[in-house]
Amino acid sequence: MHVKLDHCVLHVSDWERSNVFYRDVLFAEVVPHKGHWAYRFERGQLNLHGPGATPRPVAHIPVAPGGSDLCFEWDGPISTAISHLGRHDVEIELGPLPRFGSRGNGTSIYFRDPDGSLLEFISYAENA
């Protein structure tokens, strides 16, 4: 028996702004769902809490917009992730630096979404 992470929840303050960011910067498929949205990736999904959404159940202390730390695997060298963020005027807050992720040692950069959640791209390409 084993389990896999299926989805987690992100809280956003502005649907349109977040949809554009996650679509363009993180290559998410923006999926409408019951009057709000979800961001689908190859192997998982971010369900969203946001304006007008009243999901149930929620965590004992629900996360606020800007309160998440999420890591996404970048499937090429970290240098291409840096160039990609630059084309979208996304400031890199930290990195590149060595990090340990689900596939072992990698190289990461950190940046923020429009609400201030900390996002990470980790690349394992240089370590293959």
N, C-alpha and C. Protein backbone atom coordinates (compact mmCIF):
# COMPACT_ATOMS: atom_id res chain seq x y z
N MET A 1 0.85 -1.17 0.00
CA MET A 1 0.00 0.00 0.00
C MET A 1 0.90 1.24 0.00
N HIS A 2 0.48 2.26 -0.73
CA HIS A 2 1.19 3.54 -0.74
C HIS A 2 0.20 4.66 -1.01
N VAL A 3 0.61 5.86 -0.72
CA VAL A 3 -0.22 7.03 -1.01
C VAL A 3 0.59 8.02 -1.84
N LYS A 4 -0.11 8.86 -2.57
CA LYS A 4 0.49 9.93 -3.36
C LYS A 4 -0.26 11.21 -3.03
N LEU A 5 0.45 12.31 -3.01
CA LEU A 5 -0.19 13.60 -2.81
C LEU A 5 -1.05 13.91 -4.03
N ASP A 6 -2.33 14.15 -3.84
CA ASP A 6 -3.25 14.44 -4.92
C ASP A 6 -3.41 15.95 -5.12
N HIS A 7 -3.70 16.67 -4.05
CA HIS A 7 -3.83 18.12 -4.15
C HIS A 7 -3.60 18.75 -2.78
N CYS A 8 -3.35 20.03 -2.79
CA CYS A 8 -3.31 20.81 -1.56
C CYS A 8 -4.05 22.12 -1.87
N VAL A 9 -4.19 22.97 -0.87
CA VAL A 9 -5.02 24.17 -1.00
C VAL A 9 -4.16 25.42 -0.86
N LEU A 10 -4.43 26.37 -1.72
CA LEU A 10 -3.79 27.68 -1.72
C LEU A 10 -4.89 28.72 -1.59
N HIS A 11 -4.67 29.75 -0.77
CA HIS A 11 -5.65 30.83 -0.65
C HIS A 11 -5.13 32.03 -1.44
N VAL A 12 -5.99 32.57 -2.30
CA VAL A 12 -5.62 33.73 -3.12
C VAL A 12 -6.58 34.87 -2.83
N SER A 13 -6.14 36.10 -3.09
CA SER A 13 -6.99 37.26 -2.82
C SER A 13 -7.65 37.82 -4.07
N ASP A 14 -7.16 37.44 -5.24
CA ASP A 14 -7.69 37.99 -6.50
C ASP A 14 -7.61 36.89 -7.56
N TRP A 15 -8.79 36.40 -7.96
CA TRP A 15 -8.84 35.28 -8.91
C TRP A 15 -8.08 35.58 -10.20
N GLU A 16 -8.41 36.70 -10.83
CA GLU A 16 -7.85 37.00 -12.16
C GLU A 16 -6.33 37.13 -12.10
N ARG A 17 -5.85 37.89 -11.14
CA ARG A 17 -4.40 38.11 -11.01
C ARG A 17 -3.68 36.78 -10.77
N SER A 18 -4.21 35.96 -9.87
CA SER A 18 -3.60 34.67 -9.57
C SER A 18 -3.69 33.72 -10.76
N ASN A 19 -4.84 33.69 -11.43
CA ASN A 19 -4.99 32.81 -12.59
C ASN A 19 -3.95 33.11 -13.65
N VAL A 20 -3.72 34.39 -13.94
CA VAL A 20 -2.73 34.77 -14.95
C VAL A 20 -1.34 34.35 -14.49
N PHE A 21 -1.00 34.62 -13.23
CA PHE A 21 0.32 34.28 -12.72
C PHE A 21 0.58 32.78 -12.77
N TYR A 22 -0.34 32.00 -12.23
CA TYR A 22 -0.11 30.55 -12.18
C TYR A 22 -0.15 29.92 -13.58
N ARG A 23 -0.94 30.47 -14.47
CA ARG A 23 -0.97 29.97 -15.86
C ARG A 23 0.33 30.30 -16.57
N ASP A 24 0.76 31.55 -16.49
CA ASP A 24 1.91 32.00 -17.29
C ASP A 24 3.26 31.64 -16.66
N VAL A 25 3.36 31.72 -15.35
CA VAL A 25 4.64 31.51 -14.69
C VAL A 25 4.85 30.06 -14.29
N LEU A 26 3.77 29.39 -13.86
CA LEU A 26 3.91 28.00 -13.41
C LEU A 26 3.29 27.00 -14.38
N PHE A 27 2.82 27.45 -15.53
CA PHE A 27 2.29 26.58 -16.57
C PHE A 27 1.08 25.76 -16.10
N ALA A 28 0.32 26.29 -15.14
CA ALA A 28 -0.84 25.57 -14.62
C ALA A 28 -1.98 25.60 -15.63
N GLU A 29 -2.74 24.52 -15.65
CA GLU A 29 -4.01 24.52 -16.36
C GLU A 29 -5.02 25.11 -15.37
N VAL A 30 -5.64 26.23 -15.75
CA VAL A 30 -6.60 26.90 -14.88
C VAL A 30 -7.96 26.26 -15.13
N VAL A 31 -8.49 25.59 -14.10
CA VAL A 31 -9.69 24.77 -14.24
C VAL A 31 -10.83 25.41 -13.44
N PRO A 32 -11.92 25.82 -14.12
CA PRO A 32 -13.07 26.34 -13.37
C PRO A 32 -13.74 25.22 -12.59
N HIS A 33 -14.18 25.56 -11.36
CA HIS A 33 -14.82 24.55 -10.52
C HIS A 33 -15.75 25.23 -9.52
N LYS A 34 -17.05 25.04 -9.71
CA LYS A 34 -18.07 25.52 -8.77
C LYS A 34 -17.92 27.00 -8.41
N GLY A 35 -17.75 27.83 -9.42
CA GLY A 35 -17.68 29.26 -9.20
C GLY A 35 -16.32 29.78 -8.79
N HIS A 36 -15.33 28.91 -8.67
CA HIS A 36 -13.97 29.37 -8.43
C HIS A 36 -13.04 28.54 -9.30
N TRP A 37 -11.79 28.35 -8.89
CA TRP A 37 -10.79 27.78 -9.78
C TRP A 37 -9.92 26.75 -9.07
N ALA A 38 -9.24 25.96 -9.85
CA ALA A 38 -8.18 25.08 -9.38
C ALA A 38 -7.04 25.19 -10.40
N TYR A 39 -5.82 24.92 -9.94
CA TYR A 39 -4.66 24.93 -10.82
C TYR A 39 -4.14 23.51 -10.93
N ARG A 40 -4.21 22.98 -12.12
CA ARG A 40 -3.83 21.59 -12.34
C ARG A 40 -2.45 21.54 -13.00
N PHE A 41 -1.64 20.63 -12.47
CA PHE A 41 -0.30 20.39 -12.98
C PHE A 41 -0.25 18.94 -13.42
N GLU A 42 0.84 18.56 -14.03
CA GLU A 42 0.97 17.20 -14.56
C GLU A 42 0.61 16.13 -13.53
N ARG A 43 1.12 16.25 -12.31
CA ARG A 43 0.93 15.20 -11.32
C ARG A 43 0.18 15.65 -10.08
N GLY A 44 -0.49 16.76 -10.13
CA GLY A 44 -1.19 17.22 -8.93
C GLY A 44 -2.01 18.46 -9.21
N GLN A 45 -2.58 18.97 -8.16
CA GLN A 45 -3.50 20.10 -8.31
C GLN A 45 -3.46 20.97 -7.06
N LEU A 46 -3.61 22.27 -7.27
CA LEU A 46 -3.84 23.21 -6.19
C LEU A 46 -5.32 23.57 -6.23
N ASN A 47 -6.05 23.20 -5.20
CA ASN A 47 -7.41 23.71 -5.05
C ASN A 47 -7.29 25.07 -4.39
N LEU A 48 -8.25 25.95 -4.66
CA LEU A 48 -8.11 27.32 -4.22
C LEU A 48 -9.23 27.76 -3.30
N HIS A 49 -8.86 28.52 -2.29
CA HIS A 49 -9.81 29.30 -1.52
C HIS A 49 -9.58 30.74 -1.93
N GLY A 50 -10.65 31.51 -2.02
CA GLY A 50 -10.50 32.89 -2.43
C GLY A 50 -11.80 33.65 -2.33
N PRO A 51 -11.84 34.84 -2.93
CA PRO A 51 -13.02 35.69 -2.82
C PRO A 51 -14.30 34.96 -3.24
N GLY A 52 -15.29 34.98 -2.35
CA GLY A 52 -16.59 34.38 -2.64
C GLY A 52 -16.67 32.89 -2.43
N ALA A 53 -15.56 32.24 -2.13
CA ALA A 53 -15.56 30.79 -1.90
C ALA A 53 -15.69 30.52 -0.40
N THR A 54 -16.58 29.62 -0.06
CA THR A 54 -16.76 29.22 1.34
C THR A 54 -16.63 27.70 1.45
N PRO A 55 -15.42 27.21 1.31
CA PRO A 55 -15.21 25.76 1.32
C PRO A 55 -15.41 25.17 2.71
N ARG A 56 -15.82 23.92 2.73
CA ARG A 56 -15.95 23.15 3.96
C ARG A 56 -15.52 21.73 3.67
N PRO A 57 -14.80 21.10 4.52
CA PRO A 57 -14.17 21.59 5.74
C PRO A 57 -12.89 22.35 5.43
N VAL A 58 -12.36 23.03 6.42
CA VAL A 58 -11.10 23.75 6.28
C VAL A 58 -10.20 23.39 7.47
N ALA A 59 -8.94 23.75 7.38
CA ALA A 59 -7.98 23.52 8.46
C ALA A 59 -8.42 24.26 9.72
N HIS A 60 -7.95 23.79 10.86
CA HIS A 60 -8.27 24.44 12.13
C HIS A 60 -7.90 25.93 12.08
N ILE A 61 -6.74 26.24 11.54
CA ILE A 61 -6.33 27.63 11.29
C ILE A 61 -6.12 27.74 9.79
N PRO A 62 -7.13 28.20 9.05
CA PRO A 62 -7.00 28.27 7.58
C PRO A 62 -5.86 29.19 7.15
N VAL A 63 -5.19 28.80 6.10
CA VAL A 63 -4.11 29.61 5.58
C VAL A 63 -4.68 30.87 4.93
N ALA A 64 -4.01 31.98 5.14
CA ALA A 64 -4.40 33.26 4.55
C ALA A 64 -3.69 33.44 3.22
N PRO A 65 -4.20 34.34 2.36
CA PRO A 65 -3.45 34.64 1.14
C PRO A 65 -2.03 35.06 1.50
N GLY A 66 -1.08 34.51 0.79
CA GLY A 66 0.32 34.83 1.05
C GLY A 66 0.95 33.97 2.12
N GLY A 67 0.23 32.98 2.66
CA GLY A 67 0.73 32.20 3.77
C GLY A 67 1.23 30.82 3.41
N SER A 68 1.45 30.54 2.14
CA SER A 68 1.87 29.20 1.72
C SER A 68 3.33 29.19 1.28
N ASP A 69 3.97 28.03 1.44
CA ASP A 69 5.30 27.74 0.91
C ASP A 69 5.15 26.51 0.03
N LEU A 70 5.40 26.65 -1.26
CA LEU A 70 5.20 25.55 -2.20
C LEU A 70 6.43 25.39 -3.09
N CYS A 71 6.77 24.15 -3.38
CA CYS A 71 7.89 23.87 -4.27
C CYS A 71 7.40 23.13 -5.50
N PHE A 72 7.90 23.54 -6.66
CA PHE A 72 7.55 22.92 -7.94
C PHE A 72 8.84 22.47 -8.61
N GLU A 73 8.80 21.27 -9.19
CA GLU A 73 9.97 20.78 -9.90
C GLU A 73 10.06 21.43 -11.27
N TRP A 74 11.21 21.99 -11.57
CA TRP A 74 11.51 22.55 -12.89
C TRP A 74 12.22 21.47 -13.67
N ASP A 75 11.74 21.15 -14.88
CA ASP A 75 12.27 19.98 -15.58
C ASP A 75 13.49 20.23 -16.45
N GLY A 76 14.11 21.37 -16.31
CA GLY A 76 15.35 21.67 -17.02
C GLY A 76 16.37 22.24 -16.07
N PRO A 77 17.48 22.74 -16.60
CA PRO A 77 18.48 23.38 -15.75
C PRO A 77 17.88 24.60 -15.05
N ILE A 78 18.37 24.90 -13.86
CA ILE A 78 17.84 26.03 -13.10
C ILE A 78 18.06 27.35 -13.84
N SER A 79 19.08 27.40 -14.69
CA SER A 79 19.32 28.62 -15.48
C SER A 79 18.14 28.95 -16.38
N THR A 80 17.46 27.93 -16.90
CA THR A 80 16.30 28.21 -17.74
C THR A 80 15.11 28.69 -16.91
N ALA A 81 15.02 28.25 -15.66
CA ALA A 81 13.98 28.76 -14.76
C ALA A 81 14.24 30.23 -14.45
N ILE A 82 15.49 30.57 -14.24
CA ILE A 82 15.85 31.98 -13.97
C ILE A 82 15.47 32.85 -15.16
N SER A 83 15.77 32.40 -16.37
CA SER A 83 15.41 33.15 -17.58
C SER A 83 13.90 33.28 -17.71
N HIS A 84 13.18 32.20 -17.45
CA HIS A 84 11.72 32.20 -17.53
C HIS A 84 11.12 33.23 -16.57
N LEU A 85 11.57 33.23 -15.33
CA LEU A 85 11.05 34.21 -14.37
C LEU A 85 11.38 35.63 -14.81
N GLY A 86 12.57 35.83 -15.34
CA GLY A 86 12.95 37.16 -15.84
C GLY A 86 12.04 37.66 -16.94
N ARG A 87 11.65 36.76 -17.84
CA ARG A 87 10.74 37.15 -18.93
C ARG A 87 9.37 37.58 -18.40
N HIS A 88 9.01 37.11 -17.21
CA HIS A 88 7.72 37.46 -16.61
C HIS A 88 7.87 38.51 -15.50
N ASP A 89 9.04 39.13 -15.43
CA ASP A 89 9.32 40.16 -14.42
C ASP A 89 9.07 39.69 -13.00
N VAL A 90 9.39 38.43 -12.73
CA VAL A 90 9.27 37.87 -11.39
C VAL A 90 10.65 37.91 -10.75
N GLU A 91 10.74 38.59 -9.62
CA GLU A 91 12.01 38.75 -8.91
C GLU A 91 12.38 37.47 -8.17
N ILE A 92 13.62 37.08 -8.30
CA ILE A 92 14.14 35.94 -7.55
C ILE A 92 14.58 36.46 -6.19
N GLU A 93 14.05 35.86 -5.16
CA GLU A 93 14.34 36.30 -3.80
C GLU A 93 15.60 35.65 -3.23
N LEU A 94 15.85 34.41 -3.62
CA LEU A 94 16.99 33.67 -3.09
C LEU A 94 17.40 32.59 -4.08
N GLY A 95 18.68 32.39 -4.21
CA GLY A 95 19.17 31.32 -5.04
C GLY A 95 19.83 31.83 -6.31
N PRO A 96 20.35 30.88 -7.06
CA PRO A 96 20.25 29.43 -6.90
C PRO A 96 21.14 28.91 -5.77
N LEU A 97 20.64 27.85 -5.11
CA LEU A 97 21.37 27.22 -4.03
C LEU A 97 20.97 25.76 -3.91
N PRO A 98 21.84 24.94 -3.33
CA PRO A 98 21.53 23.52 -3.20
C PRO A 98 20.39 23.29 -2.21
N ARG A 99 19.50 22.37 -2.57
CA ARG A 99 18.37 22.01 -1.71
C ARG A 99 18.11 20.52 -1.83
N PHE A 100 17.39 19.99 -0.88
CA PHE A 100 17.03 18.58 -0.86
C PHE A 100 15.53 18.47 -1.06
N GLY A 101 15.10 17.76 -2.10
CA GLY A 101 13.69 17.61 -2.41
C GLY A 101 13.29 16.15 -2.51
N SER A 102 12.13 15.92 -3.09
CA SER A 102 11.56 14.57 -3.14
C SER A 102 12.39 13.60 -3.98
N ARG A 103 13.22 14.12 -4.85
CA ARG A 103 14.08 13.25 -5.68
C ARG A 103 15.54 13.32 -5.28
N GLY A 104 15.81 13.90 -4.12
CA GLY A 104 17.19 13.99 -3.64
C GLY A 104 17.73 15.40 -3.76
N ASN A 105 19.03 15.49 -4.06
CA ASN A 105 19.68 16.80 -4.14
C ASN A 105 19.31 17.52 -5.42
N GLY A 106 19.03 18.81 -5.29
CA GLY A 106 18.69 19.64 -6.43
C GLY A 106 19.22 21.04 -6.23
N THR A 107 18.87 21.91 -7.17
CA THR A 107 19.23 23.32 -7.11
C THR A 107 17.94 24.12 -7.19
N SER A 108 17.78 25.09 -6.26
CA SER A 108 16.52 25.82 -6.16
C SER A 108 16.69 27.33 -6.26
N ILE A 109 15.60 27.94 -6.70
CA ILE A 109 15.44 29.40 -6.62
C ILE A 109 14.09 29.66 -5.96
N TYR A 110 14.00 30.79 -5.27
CA TYR A 110 12.79 31.15 -4.55
C TYR A 110 12.25 32.47 -5.07
N PHE A 111 10.93 32.57 -5.15
CA PHE A 111 10.25 33.77 -5.62
C PHE A 111 8.86 33.78 -4.98
N ARG A 112 8.08 34.82 -5.24
CA ARG A 112 6.77 34.95 -4.60
C ARG A 112 5.66 35.08 -5.63
N ASP A 113 4.48 34.57 -5.24
CA ASP A 113 3.30 34.76 -6.08
C ASP A 113 2.72 36.14 -5.78
N PRO A 114 1.67 36.58 -6.48
CA PRO A 114 1.14 37.93 -6.28
C PRO A 114 0.65 38.23 -4.86
N ASP A 115 0.29 37.21 -4.09
CA ASP A 115 -0.13 37.42 -2.71
C ASP A 115 1.02 37.35 -1.72
N GLY A 116 2.19 36.92 -2.16
CA GLY A 116 3.34 36.84 -1.28
C GLY A 116 3.67 35.44 -0.80
N SER A 117 2.93 34.42 -1.25
CA SER A 117 3.32 33.05 -0.91
C SER A 117 4.70 32.77 -1.49
N LEU A 118 5.50 32.03 -0.72
CA LEU A 118 6.85 31.71 -1.16
C LEU A 118 6.80 30.49 -2.07
N LEU A 119 7.33 30.64 -3.27
CA LEU A 119 7.37 29.56 -4.25
C LEU A 119 8.81 29.21 -4.55
N GLU A 120 9.02 27.96 -4.87
CA GLU A 120 10.36 27.45 -5.17
C GLU A 120 10.29 26.63 -6.45
N PHE A 121 11.28 26.84 -7.31
CA PHE A 121 11.53 25.92 -8.41
C PHE A 121 12.77 25.13 -8.01
N ILE A 122 12.66 23.81 -8.03
CA ILE A 122 13.83 22.95 -7.80
C ILE A 122 14.12 22.19 -9.09
N SER A 123 15.38 22.16 -9.44
CA SER A 123 15.82 21.42 -10.63
C SER A 123 16.77 20.31 -10.20
N TYR A 124 16.52 19.13 -10.73
CA TYR A 124 17.40 18.00 -10.49
C TYR A 124 18.32 17.77 -11.71
N ALA A 125 18.17 18.60 -12.74
CA ALA A 125 18.88 18.37 -14.01
C ALA A 125 20.39 18.37 -13.84
N GLU A 126 20.94 19.27 -13.03
CA GLU A 126 22.38 19.35 -12.87
C GLU A 126 22.92 18.21 -12.05
N ASN A 127 22.02 17.47 -11.37
CA ASN A 127 22.45 16.44 -10.45
C ASN A 127 22.24 15.03 -11.00
N ALA A 128 21.85 14.94 -12.29
CA ALA A 128 21.56 13.62 -12.87
C ALA A 128 22.83 12.89 -13.24
